N, C-alpha and C. Protein backbone atom coordinates (compact mmCIF):
# COMPACT_ATOMS: atom_id res chain seq x y z
N MET A 1 -1.95 14.63 23.83
CA MET A 1 -0.99 13.64 23.34
C MET A 1 -0.51 12.78 24.50
N MET A 2 -0.39 11.49 24.27
CA MET A 2 0.12 10.60 25.30
C MET A 2 1.60 10.85 25.54
N LEU A 3 2.04 10.72 26.79
CA LEU A 3 3.40 11.06 27.18
C LEU A 3 4.45 10.28 26.39
N PHE A 4 4.26 8.97 26.23
CA PHE A 4 5.27 8.20 25.52
C PHE A 4 5.37 8.59 24.05
N LYS A 5 4.25 9.02 23.46
CA LYS A 5 4.26 9.50 22.07
C LYS A 5 5.06 10.79 21.97
N PHE A 6 4.87 11.67 22.95
CA PHE A 6 5.65 12.91 22.99
C PHE A 6 7.14 12.61 23.04
N LEU A 7 7.52 11.68 23.91
CA LEU A 7 8.94 11.35 24.06
C LEU A 7 9.52 10.83 22.74
N GLN A 8 8.76 10.03 22.04
CA GLN A 8 9.22 9.53 20.74
C GLN A 8 9.47 10.68 19.76
N LYS A 9 8.59 11.69 19.79
CA LYS A 9 8.69 12.80 18.85
C LYS A 9 9.85 13.76 19.19
N THR A 10 10.42 13.66 20.39
CA THR A 10 11.57 14.52 20.71
C THR A 10 12.83 14.07 19.97
N GLY A 11 12.86 12.80 19.56
CA GLY A 11 14.06 12.27 18.94
C GLY A 11 14.99 11.57 19.90
N TYR A 12 14.70 11.68 21.21
CA TYR A 12 15.54 11.03 22.20
C TYR A 12 15.24 9.54 22.36
N PHE A 13 14.01 9.14 22.10
CA PHE A 13 13.55 7.83 22.52
C PHE A 13 12.90 7.03 21.39
N SER A 14 13.11 5.72 21.46
CA SER A 14 12.27 4.80 20.71
C SER A 14 11.02 4.56 21.55
N ARG A 15 10.02 3.87 20.98
CA ARG A 15 8.81 3.55 21.76
C ARG A 15 9.17 2.77 23.02
N ARG A 16 10.02 1.78 22.87
CA ARG A 16 10.38 0.93 24.01
C ARG A 16 11.13 1.70 25.08
N SER A 17 12.12 2.51 24.67
CA SER A 17 12.91 3.25 25.66
C SER A 17 12.09 4.35 26.31
N ALA A 18 11.10 4.92 25.58
CA ALA A 18 10.23 5.94 26.16
C ALA A 18 9.39 5.33 27.28
N ILE A 19 8.79 4.19 27.02
CA ILE A 19 7.96 3.53 28.04
C ILE A 19 8.81 3.12 29.24
N ARG A 20 10.01 2.63 28.98
CA ARG A 20 10.90 2.23 30.07
C ARG A 20 11.29 3.44 30.93
N ALA A 21 11.64 4.55 30.28
CA ALA A 21 12.04 5.76 31.03
C ALA A 21 10.91 6.25 31.92
N ILE A 22 9.69 6.21 31.42
CA ILE A 22 8.53 6.64 32.20
C ILE A 22 8.32 5.72 33.40
N LYS A 23 8.35 4.42 33.17
CA LYS A 23 8.08 3.46 34.25
C LYS A 23 9.19 3.47 35.30
N TYR A 24 10.43 3.85 34.89
CA TYR A 24 11.54 3.94 35.84
C TYR A 24 11.53 5.25 36.63
N GLY A 25 10.56 6.14 36.33
CA GLY A 25 10.46 7.39 37.07
C GLY A 25 11.45 8.46 36.65
N LEU A 26 11.93 8.38 35.39
CA LEU A 26 12.92 9.34 34.90
C LEU A 26 12.28 10.56 34.24
N ILE A 27 10.97 10.53 34.05
CA ILE A 27 10.27 11.61 33.36
C ILE A 27 9.38 12.37 34.34
N LYS A 28 9.49 13.69 34.28
CA LYS A 28 8.61 14.54 35.09
C LYS A 28 7.76 15.42 34.17
N VAL A 29 6.53 15.63 34.57
CA VAL A 29 5.63 16.57 33.89
C VAL A 29 5.28 17.66 34.89
N ASN A 30 5.73 18.88 34.56
CA ASN A 30 5.52 20.03 35.46
C ASN A 30 6.05 19.74 36.86
N GLY A 31 7.22 19.10 36.90
CA GLY A 31 7.90 18.85 38.18
C GLY A 31 7.45 17.61 38.93
N LYS A 32 6.48 16.88 38.40
CA LYS A 32 5.96 15.69 39.07
C LYS A 32 6.30 14.43 38.29
N ILE A 33 6.84 13.42 38.97
CA ILE A 33 7.17 12.15 38.32
C ILE A 33 5.89 11.47 37.83
N ILE A 34 5.90 11.08 36.55
CA ILE A 34 4.76 10.37 35.96
C ILE A 34 5.25 8.99 35.52
N ARG A 35 4.57 7.95 35.97
CA ARG A 35 4.96 6.58 35.64
C ARG A 35 3.96 5.90 34.70
N GLU A 36 3.04 6.67 34.16
CA GLU A 36 2.01 6.12 33.26
C GLU A 36 2.30 6.55 31.83
N PRO A 37 2.76 5.63 30.96
CA PRO A 37 3.10 5.99 29.57
C PRO A 37 1.96 6.65 28.81
N TRP A 38 0.71 6.32 29.15
CA TRP A 38 -0.44 6.85 28.42
C TRP A 38 -1.00 8.12 29.04
N PHE A 39 -0.24 8.71 29.96
CA PHE A 39 -0.64 9.97 30.60
C PHE A 39 -0.80 11.05 29.53
N ASP A 40 -1.89 11.80 29.60
CA ASP A 40 -2.20 12.80 28.59
C ASP A 40 -1.54 14.14 28.94
N ILE A 41 -0.82 14.72 27.98
CA ILE A 41 -0.17 16.01 28.19
C ILE A 41 -0.64 17.00 27.12
N ASN A 42 -0.38 18.30 27.37
CA ASN A 42 -0.72 19.32 26.38
C ASN A 42 0.49 20.20 26.10
N GLU A 43 0.35 21.18 25.22
CA GLU A 43 1.47 21.99 24.75
C GLU A 43 2.09 22.83 25.86
N GLU A 44 1.32 23.17 26.88
CA GLU A 44 1.83 24.04 27.94
C GLU A 44 2.66 23.29 28.98
N ASP A 45 2.59 21.97 28.97
CA ASP A 45 3.30 21.18 29.98
C ASP A 45 4.81 21.23 29.76
N LYS A 46 5.54 21.23 30.87
CA LYS A 46 7.00 21.18 30.82
C LYS A 46 7.44 19.76 31.14
N ILE A 47 8.14 19.13 30.17
CA ILE A 47 8.57 17.74 30.30
C ILE A 47 10.08 17.72 30.53
N THR A 48 10.52 16.99 31.55
CA THR A 48 11.96 16.88 31.81
C THR A 48 12.37 15.42 31.91
N PHE A 49 13.60 15.15 31.49
CA PHE A 49 14.21 13.83 31.57
C PHE A 49 15.51 13.98 32.34
N LYS A 50 15.59 13.34 33.50
CA LYS A 50 16.76 13.47 34.39
C LYS A 50 17.08 14.93 34.68
N GLY A 51 16.05 15.75 34.79
CA GLY A 51 16.22 17.16 35.13
C GLY A 51 16.40 18.09 33.95
N PHE A 52 16.49 17.54 32.74
CA PHE A 52 16.71 18.35 31.54
C PHE A 52 15.41 18.46 30.74
N GLU A 53 15.05 19.69 30.38
CA GLU A 53 13.81 19.89 29.62
C GLU A 53 13.98 19.39 28.20
N ILE A 54 12.97 18.71 27.70
CA ILE A 54 12.99 18.21 26.34
C ILE A 54 11.74 18.67 25.61
N LYS A 55 11.91 18.87 24.29
CA LYS A 55 10.82 19.34 23.45
C LYS A 55 10.76 18.52 22.17
N MET A 56 9.66 18.64 21.45
CA MET A 56 9.48 17.88 20.22
C MET A 56 10.29 18.47 19.06
N ASN A 57 10.74 17.58 18.18
CA ASN A 57 11.36 17.95 16.91
C ASN A 57 12.51 18.96 17.05
N MET A 58 13.34 18.74 18.03
CA MET A 58 14.49 19.62 18.22
C MET A 58 15.61 19.20 17.27
N PRO A 59 16.37 20.16 16.72
CA PRO A 59 17.50 19.79 15.87
C PRO A 59 18.55 19.02 16.66
N VAL A 60 19.20 18.09 16.01
CA VAL A 60 20.20 17.25 16.68
C VAL A 60 21.51 18.02 16.80
N ASP A 61 22.03 18.10 18.02
CA ASP A 61 23.29 18.79 18.27
C ASP A 61 24.25 17.87 19.00
N TYR A 62 25.55 18.12 18.80
CA TYR A 62 26.60 17.37 19.46
C TYR A 62 27.61 18.38 20.01
N ILE A 63 27.79 18.39 21.32
CA ILE A 63 28.58 19.43 21.97
C ILE A 63 29.68 18.82 22.84
N ILE A 64 30.86 19.45 22.80
CA ILE A 64 31.94 19.17 23.73
C ILE A 64 31.98 20.32 24.73
N TYR A 65 31.82 20.01 25.99
CA TYR A 65 31.77 21.03 27.03
C TYR A 65 32.84 20.77 28.07
N TYR A 66 33.55 21.83 28.47
CA TYR A 66 34.54 21.72 29.54
C TYR A 66 33.88 22.20 30.82
N LYS A 67 33.43 21.25 31.63
CA LYS A 67 32.78 21.60 32.89
C LYS A 67 33.82 22.08 33.90
N PRO A 68 33.62 23.28 34.47
CA PRO A 68 34.53 23.74 35.52
C PRO A 68 34.20 23.02 36.84
N SER A 69 35.16 23.01 37.75
CA SER A 69 34.90 22.45 39.08
C SER A 69 33.96 23.38 39.84
N ASN A 70 33.20 22.78 40.76
CA ASN A 70 32.24 23.50 41.61
C ASN A 70 31.13 24.19 40.82
N LYS A 71 30.80 23.65 39.67
CA LYS A 71 29.66 24.12 38.87
C LYS A 71 28.77 22.93 38.55
N VAL A 72 27.45 23.15 38.58
CA VAL A 72 26.52 22.07 38.26
C VAL A 72 25.64 22.39 37.06
N TYR A 73 25.62 23.66 36.64
CA TYR A 73 24.72 24.06 35.57
C TYR A 73 25.46 24.20 34.24
N PHE A 74 24.74 23.91 33.16
CA PHE A 74 25.27 24.08 31.82
C PHE A 74 24.90 25.46 31.30
N PRO A 75 25.70 26.00 30.35
CA PRO A 75 25.30 27.26 29.72
C PRO A 75 23.90 27.15 29.13
N LYS A 76 23.14 28.24 29.17
CA LYS A 76 21.73 28.19 28.77
C LYS A 76 21.54 27.77 27.32
N GLU A 77 22.54 28.04 26.46
CA GLU A 77 22.41 27.69 25.04
C GLU A 77 22.40 26.18 24.81
N ILE A 78 22.91 25.39 25.77
CA ILE A 78 22.98 23.94 25.58
C ILE A 78 22.20 23.18 26.65
N LYS A 79 21.33 23.87 27.37
CA LYS A 79 20.57 23.23 28.44
C LYS A 79 19.57 22.20 27.92
N HIS A 80 19.23 22.29 26.62
CA HIS A 80 18.28 21.33 26.07
C HIS A 80 18.92 19.99 25.74
N LEU A 81 20.25 19.92 25.87
CA LEU A 81 20.97 18.69 25.55
C LEU A 81 21.23 17.87 26.81
N ILE A 82 21.37 16.58 26.63
CA ILE A 82 21.57 15.67 27.76
C ILE A 82 22.99 15.11 27.72
N PRO A 83 23.70 15.14 28.85
CA PRO A 83 25.07 14.61 28.87
C PRO A 83 25.09 13.09 28.75
N LEU A 84 26.08 12.60 28.02
CA LEU A 84 26.26 11.15 27.99
C LEU A 84 26.59 10.64 29.38
N GLU A 85 27.47 11.36 30.06
CA GLU A 85 27.81 11.01 31.44
C GLU A 85 28.24 12.28 32.15
N ASN A 86 27.50 12.65 33.17
CA ASN A 86 27.76 13.90 33.87
C ASN A 86 28.95 13.75 34.81
N LEU A 87 29.33 14.85 35.45
CA LEU A 87 30.39 14.85 36.46
C LEU A 87 29.85 15.44 37.75
N PRO A 88 30.34 14.97 38.89
CA PRO A 88 29.94 15.58 40.16
C PRO A 88 30.36 17.05 40.23
N LYS A 89 29.71 17.79 41.12
CA LYS A 89 29.95 19.23 41.23
C LYS A 89 31.43 19.56 41.43
N SER A 90 32.12 18.80 42.25
CA SER A 90 33.50 19.14 42.62
C SER A 90 34.51 18.87 41.51
N ASP A 91 34.12 18.13 40.48
CA ASP A 91 35.07 17.70 39.46
C ASP A 91 34.94 18.51 38.17
N GLU A 92 35.94 18.40 37.31
CA GLU A 92 35.96 19.17 36.08
C GLU A 92 36.28 18.26 34.90
N GLY A 93 36.15 18.85 33.70
CA GLY A 93 36.58 18.13 32.52
C GLY A 93 35.52 17.95 31.45
N LEU A 94 35.77 17.00 30.58
CA LEU A 94 34.98 16.78 29.38
C LEU A 94 33.60 16.20 29.68
N ILE A 95 32.58 16.83 29.08
CA ILE A 95 31.24 16.26 29.04
C ILE A 95 30.74 16.38 27.60
N ILE A 96 30.29 15.27 27.05
CA ILE A 96 29.67 15.26 25.73
C ILE A 96 28.16 15.37 25.93
N LEU A 97 27.55 16.34 25.25
CA LEU A 97 26.10 16.53 25.33
C LEU A 97 25.49 16.37 23.95
N THR A 98 24.38 15.68 23.88
CA THR A 98 23.68 15.52 22.61
C THR A 98 22.23 15.15 22.85
N ASN A 99 21.39 15.43 21.86
CA ASN A 99 20.01 14.94 21.89
C ASN A 99 19.80 13.85 20.84
N ASP A 100 20.88 13.21 20.45
CA ASP A 100 20.82 12.07 19.53
C ASP A 100 20.52 10.82 20.36
N SER A 101 19.29 10.35 20.28
CA SER A 101 18.86 9.23 21.11
C SER A 101 19.62 7.95 20.80
N GLU A 102 20.02 7.79 19.54
CA GLU A 102 20.75 6.59 19.15
C GLU A 102 22.10 6.52 19.86
N ILE A 103 22.76 7.66 19.98
CA ILE A 103 24.05 7.70 20.68
C ILE A 103 23.86 7.40 22.17
N HIS A 104 22.83 7.97 22.77
CA HIS A 104 22.57 7.69 24.19
C HIS A 104 22.32 6.22 24.43
N ARG A 105 21.50 5.61 23.60
CA ARG A 105 21.19 4.18 23.79
C ARG A 105 22.44 3.33 23.62
N ALA A 106 23.24 3.62 22.60
CA ALA A 106 24.45 2.84 22.35
C ALA A 106 25.48 3.02 23.46
N TYR A 107 25.57 4.25 23.98
CA TYR A 107 26.56 4.53 25.03
C TYR A 107 26.25 3.71 26.29
N TYR A 108 25.00 3.68 26.70
CA TYR A 108 24.65 2.98 27.93
C TYR A 108 24.70 1.47 27.77
N LYS A 109 24.65 1.00 26.56
CA LYS A 109 24.77 -0.44 26.32
C LYS A 109 26.22 -0.86 26.10
N GLY A 110 27.09 0.11 25.79
CA GLY A 110 28.46 -0.20 25.37
C GLY A 110 29.47 -0.24 26.50
N PHE A 111 30.73 -0.35 26.09
CA PHE A 111 31.85 -0.46 27.02
C PHE A 111 32.88 0.61 26.67
N ILE A 112 32.45 1.86 26.76
CA ILE A 112 33.29 2.99 26.37
C ILE A 112 34.24 3.37 27.50
N LYS A 113 35.48 3.67 27.14
CA LYS A 113 36.48 4.05 28.13
C LYS A 113 36.40 5.55 28.44
N ASN A 114 36.52 5.86 29.71
CA ASN A 114 36.69 7.24 30.16
C ASN A 114 38.04 7.37 30.83
N LYS A 115 38.75 8.45 30.53
CA LYS A 115 40.06 8.68 31.13
C LYS A 115 40.03 9.94 31.99
N TYR A 116 40.70 9.85 33.14
CA TYR A 116 40.72 10.95 34.10
C TYR A 116 42.15 11.24 34.54
N LEU A 117 42.47 12.52 34.65
CA LEU A 117 43.70 12.95 35.30
C LEU A 117 43.36 13.16 36.77
N VAL A 118 44.05 12.42 37.63
CA VAL A 118 43.65 12.37 39.04
C VAL A 118 44.82 12.71 39.94
N GLU A 119 44.53 13.50 40.97
CA GLU A 119 45.48 13.76 42.06
C GLU A 119 44.97 13.08 43.32
N PHE A 120 45.92 12.55 44.11
CA PHE A 120 45.57 11.81 45.32
C PHE A 120 46.05 12.54 46.57
N SER A 121 45.36 12.30 47.67
CA SER A 121 45.75 12.92 48.93
C SER A 121 46.96 12.22 49.56
N VAL A 122 47.18 10.98 49.17
CA VAL A 122 48.36 10.22 49.60
C VAL A 122 48.90 9.48 48.38
N PRO A 123 50.18 9.11 48.38
CA PRO A 123 50.74 8.38 47.23
C PRO A 123 49.93 7.14 46.90
N ILE A 124 49.80 6.88 45.59
CA ILE A 124 48.99 5.77 45.11
C ILE A 124 49.86 4.76 44.38
N SER A 125 49.46 3.51 44.43
CA SER A 125 50.15 2.46 43.71
C SER A 125 49.35 2.09 42.47
N GLU A 126 50.05 1.65 41.43
CA GLU A 126 49.36 1.18 40.23
C GLU A 126 48.69 -0.18 40.47
N ASN A 127 49.04 -0.81 41.57
CA ASN A 127 48.56 -2.17 41.82
C ASN A 127 47.19 -2.18 42.48
N VAL A 128 46.27 -1.41 41.91
CA VAL A 128 44.88 -1.45 42.36
C VAL A 128 44.15 -2.50 41.51
N ASN A 129 43.83 -3.60 42.13
CA ASN A 129 43.28 -4.73 41.39
C ASN A 129 41.75 -4.68 41.40
N VAL A 130 41.20 -3.83 40.53
CA VAL A 130 39.75 -3.69 40.42
C VAL A 130 39.37 -3.83 38.95
N GLN A 131 38.39 -4.67 38.68
CA GLN A 131 37.95 -4.88 37.31
C GLN A 131 37.46 -3.57 36.70
N ASN A 132 37.85 -3.33 35.44
CA ASN A 132 37.43 -2.16 34.66
C ASN A 132 38.07 -0.85 35.12
N ILE A 133 39.15 -0.94 35.91
CA ILE A 133 39.91 0.25 36.29
C ILE A 133 41.39 0.00 36.02
N LYS A 134 42.02 0.93 35.29
CA LYS A 134 43.45 0.85 35.03
C LYS A 134 44.11 2.14 35.49
N ILE A 135 45.18 2.03 36.28
CA ILE A 135 45.89 3.19 36.79
C ILE A 135 47.27 3.27 36.13
N SER A 136 47.55 4.39 35.49
CA SER A 136 48.87 4.64 34.89
C SER A 136 49.50 5.80 35.66
N GLN A 137 50.48 5.48 36.50
CA GLN A 137 51.04 6.47 37.40
C GLN A 137 51.89 7.48 36.66
N ILE A 138 51.72 8.77 37.01
CA ILE A 138 52.52 9.86 36.47
C ILE A 138 53.59 10.26 37.48
N SER A 139 53.18 10.38 38.73
CA SER A 139 54.08 10.68 39.84
C SER A 139 53.51 10.01 41.08
N ARG A 140 54.07 10.29 42.24
CA ARG A 140 53.59 9.63 43.47
C ARG A 140 52.14 9.98 43.77
N ASN A 141 51.73 11.18 43.40
CA ASN A 141 50.39 11.64 43.74
C ASN A 141 49.50 11.93 42.54
N LYS A 142 49.96 11.56 41.34
CA LYS A 142 49.17 11.81 40.13
C LYS A 142 49.14 10.56 39.26
N ALA A 143 48.02 10.39 38.55
CA ALA A 143 47.89 9.24 37.66
C ALA A 143 46.80 9.51 36.63
N ILE A 144 46.87 8.75 35.54
CA ILE A 144 45.76 8.68 34.59
C ILE A 144 44.98 7.41 34.93
N ILE A 145 43.70 7.57 35.19
CA ILE A 145 42.84 6.42 35.47
C ILE A 145 41.88 6.22 34.30
N THR A 146 41.87 5.00 33.80
CA THR A 146 40.96 4.62 32.72
C THR A 146 39.89 3.69 33.28
N THR A 147 38.62 4.01 33.01
CA THR A 147 37.53 3.20 33.53
C THR A 147 36.61 2.75 32.40
N ILE A 148 35.91 1.66 32.64
CA ILE A 148 34.87 1.18 31.73
C ILE A 148 33.62 0.90 32.55
N ARG A 149 32.54 1.62 32.25
CA ARG A 149 31.24 1.43 32.91
C ARG A 149 31.33 1.65 34.43
N ILE A 150 32.15 2.59 34.84
CA ILE A 150 32.22 2.97 36.26
C ILE A 150 32.06 4.47 36.35
N LYS A 151 31.06 4.92 37.08
CA LYS A 151 30.81 6.35 37.24
C LYS A 151 31.79 6.94 38.24
N VAL A 152 31.94 8.26 38.20
CA VAL A 152 32.92 8.94 39.04
C VAL A 152 32.64 8.69 40.52
N ASN A 153 31.40 8.76 40.93
CA ASN A 153 31.08 8.54 42.34
C ASN A 153 31.45 7.12 42.78
N GLN A 154 31.28 6.16 41.89
CA GLN A 154 31.68 4.79 42.20
C GLN A 154 33.21 4.70 42.30
N LEU A 155 33.89 5.38 41.39
CA LEU A 155 35.36 5.39 41.39
C LEU A 155 35.90 5.95 42.70
N LYS A 156 35.28 7.01 43.18
CA LYS A 156 35.74 7.64 44.43
C LYS A 156 35.50 6.76 45.65
N LYS A 157 34.48 5.92 45.58
CA LYS A 157 34.26 4.98 46.67
C LYS A 157 35.30 3.87 46.66
N ILE A 158 35.69 3.46 45.44
CA ILE A 158 36.70 2.42 45.30
C ILE A 158 38.07 2.95 45.71
N ILE A 159 38.37 4.20 45.31
CA ILE A 159 39.66 4.83 45.64
C ILE A 159 39.36 6.12 46.40
N PRO A 160 39.16 6.04 47.69
CA PRO A 160 38.73 7.22 48.48
C PRO A 160 39.81 8.29 48.64
N THR A 161 41.05 8.00 48.23
CA THR A 161 42.13 8.99 48.36
C THR A 161 42.17 9.97 47.19
N ILE A 162 41.22 9.87 46.24
CA ILE A 162 41.15 10.83 45.14
C ILE A 162 40.83 12.22 45.69
N LYS A 163 41.71 13.18 45.38
CA LYS A 163 41.54 14.55 45.87
C LYS A 163 41.01 15.47 44.78
N LYS A 164 41.46 15.25 43.55
CA LYS A 164 41.09 16.10 42.43
C LYS A 164 40.96 15.25 41.19
N LEU A 165 39.91 15.51 40.39
CA LEU A 165 39.65 14.66 39.21
C LEU A 165 39.24 15.52 38.03
N LYS A 166 39.81 15.18 36.88
CA LYS A 166 39.50 15.89 35.63
C LYS A 166 39.33 14.85 34.52
N ARG A 167 38.15 14.81 33.91
CA ARG A 167 37.95 13.89 32.78
C ARG A 167 38.61 14.48 31.54
N ILE A 168 39.49 13.71 30.93
CA ILE A 168 40.22 14.19 29.77
C ILE A 168 39.83 13.48 28.48
N GLU A 169 39.07 12.40 28.60
CA GLU A 169 38.64 11.69 27.39
C GLU A 169 37.42 10.83 27.67
N THR A 170 36.47 10.88 26.75
CA THR A 170 35.41 9.88 26.64
C THR A 170 35.61 9.29 25.25
N GLU A 171 36.12 8.08 25.23
CA GLU A 171 36.56 7.46 23.98
C GLU A 171 35.54 7.61 22.85
N PRO A 172 35.95 8.13 21.70
CA PRO A 172 37.30 8.53 21.27
C PRO A 172 37.53 10.05 21.36
N ILE A 173 36.66 10.78 22.07
CA ILE A 173 36.72 12.24 22.10
C ILE A 173 37.62 12.70 23.24
N VAL A 174 38.60 13.52 22.89
CA VAL A 174 39.57 14.03 23.87
C VAL A 174 39.23 15.49 24.16
N LEU A 175 39.35 15.89 25.42
CA LEU A 175 39.13 17.28 25.81
C LEU A 175 40.12 18.17 25.07
N PRO A 176 39.64 19.11 24.22
CA PRO A 176 40.56 19.96 23.45
C PRO A 176 41.44 20.82 24.36
N VAL A 177 42.72 20.92 24.02
CA VAL A 177 43.65 21.67 24.87
C VAL A 177 43.35 23.16 24.86
N ASP A 178 42.69 23.65 23.80
CA ASP A 178 42.41 25.08 23.70
C ASP A 178 41.02 25.46 24.24
N LEU A 179 40.31 24.48 24.79
CA LEU A 179 38.98 24.76 25.34
C LEU A 179 39.11 25.11 26.82
N LYS A 180 38.62 26.27 27.19
CA LYS A 180 38.74 26.76 28.55
C LYS A 180 37.57 26.27 29.41
N PRO A 181 37.77 26.17 30.73
CA PRO A 181 36.67 25.77 31.62
C PRO A 181 35.45 26.68 31.45
N GLY A 182 34.28 26.05 31.37
CA GLY A 182 33.05 26.80 31.20
C GLY A 182 32.67 27.06 29.75
N ARG A 183 33.56 26.70 28.83
CA ARG A 183 33.31 26.93 27.40
C ARG A 183 32.91 25.62 26.71
N TYR A 184 32.33 25.76 25.54
CA TYR A 184 31.93 24.59 24.77
C TYR A 184 32.07 24.88 23.28
N ARG A 185 32.06 23.82 22.50
CA ARG A 185 32.04 23.95 21.04
C ARG A 185 31.31 22.77 20.44
N LYS A 186 30.86 22.95 19.20
CA LYS A 186 30.21 21.85 18.49
C LYS A 186 31.26 20.82 18.09
N MET A 187 30.85 19.57 18.08
CA MET A 187 31.73 18.52 17.60
C MET A 187 31.87 18.62 16.09
N THR A 188 33.04 18.30 15.58
CA THR A 188 33.25 18.30 14.14
C THR A 188 32.60 17.05 13.54
N ASP A 189 32.40 17.06 12.23
CA ASP A 189 31.83 15.89 11.56
C ASP A 189 32.70 14.66 11.80
N GLU A 190 34.02 14.87 11.79
CA GLU A 190 34.95 13.76 12.01
C GLU A 190 34.79 13.18 13.41
N GLU A 191 34.60 14.04 14.41
CA GLU A 191 34.42 13.56 15.79
C GLU A 191 33.11 12.81 15.94
N ILE A 192 32.06 13.30 15.31
CA ILE A 192 30.75 12.63 15.38
C ILE A 192 30.85 11.24 14.76
N ILE A 193 31.49 11.16 13.61
CA ILE A 193 31.65 9.87 12.93
C ILE A 193 32.47 8.91 13.79
N ALA A 194 33.57 9.41 14.38
CA ALA A 194 34.43 8.58 15.22
C ALA A 194 33.66 8.05 16.43
N LEU A 195 32.84 8.91 17.04
CA LEU A 195 32.04 8.48 18.19
C LEU A 195 31.03 7.42 17.79
N LYS A 196 30.36 7.65 16.67
CA LYS A 196 29.35 6.68 16.22
C LYS A 196 30.00 5.34 15.85
N ARG A 197 31.20 5.40 15.31
CA ARG A 197 31.89 4.15 14.94
C ARG A 197 32.24 3.34 16.18
N ILE A 198 32.76 4.00 17.20
CA ILE A 198 33.17 3.24 18.39
C ILE A 198 31.96 2.72 19.16
N LEU A 199 30.81 3.39 18.97
CA LEU A 199 29.57 2.92 19.59
C LEU A 199 28.87 1.85 18.75
N GLY A 200 29.40 1.59 17.57
CA GLY A 200 28.82 0.57 16.71
C GLY A 200 27.58 0.99 15.96
N ILE A 201 27.38 2.32 15.84
CA ILE A 201 26.20 2.82 15.14
C ILE A 201 26.42 2.80 13.63
N ILE A 202 27.66 3.08 13.22
CA ILE A 202 27.99 3.03 11.78
C ILE A 202 29.19 2.13 11.58
C-alpha cells in the first residue's frame, strides 16, 4: 500500500494533508523519515506522525489529559492519540488528544485561545504590548495569560521571566478541577460538540 493511502485510511488525514505531511518530513516508517507519498509499505511497518504511532481504521477518541510537570510521555492507553497542542516537559496542565483529523485540521487553521496560569521570577506588568497575548494580573508574581496561535516555547521567549506555567483552558475546554496530574478522561458529548462549534466544524 502506498504511504499516503495508508495515512488516509487512519482517519487523521485527507489526501492533500497526507501528501503535505509526508513532504514536510512529519512521517516516519520504521524510524526513518519518508518524503515520498507513493512509498510502498506493508502490514509489519511501524508508521509514526510527529513521534506518535498511527494505525488504520482506529476508533475516534477525544481525551482530556492533565499533563504533570517534568513528564513527556502519555499513558499507554492513549498513546495512539495526537495532542492538539503539546506542552514542554517542565510545564503542566490541559492537553486535548484526539485522532479526529477534522479537529486537527480546523485547530491549526483557527484562532483558538489558550489560557495559562503563570508564575514569574520577578513582578510582571499587564502592559506587555505583544499581539495575540493578553495578561490579566492576579498578584505581583502571578497572572492569567491568554494567547492565540502562540506556542508555549514562543511565549517563554517573549516573556523570559516565566517561572512556572499551567495550561488551564484550550477554548472552550477547561481543565477539570477534579482531574489529578497524570490522569485523563474522555470528553463528554457536550464538550465535543462545543469544541467542534468553536472550530467551525458544525
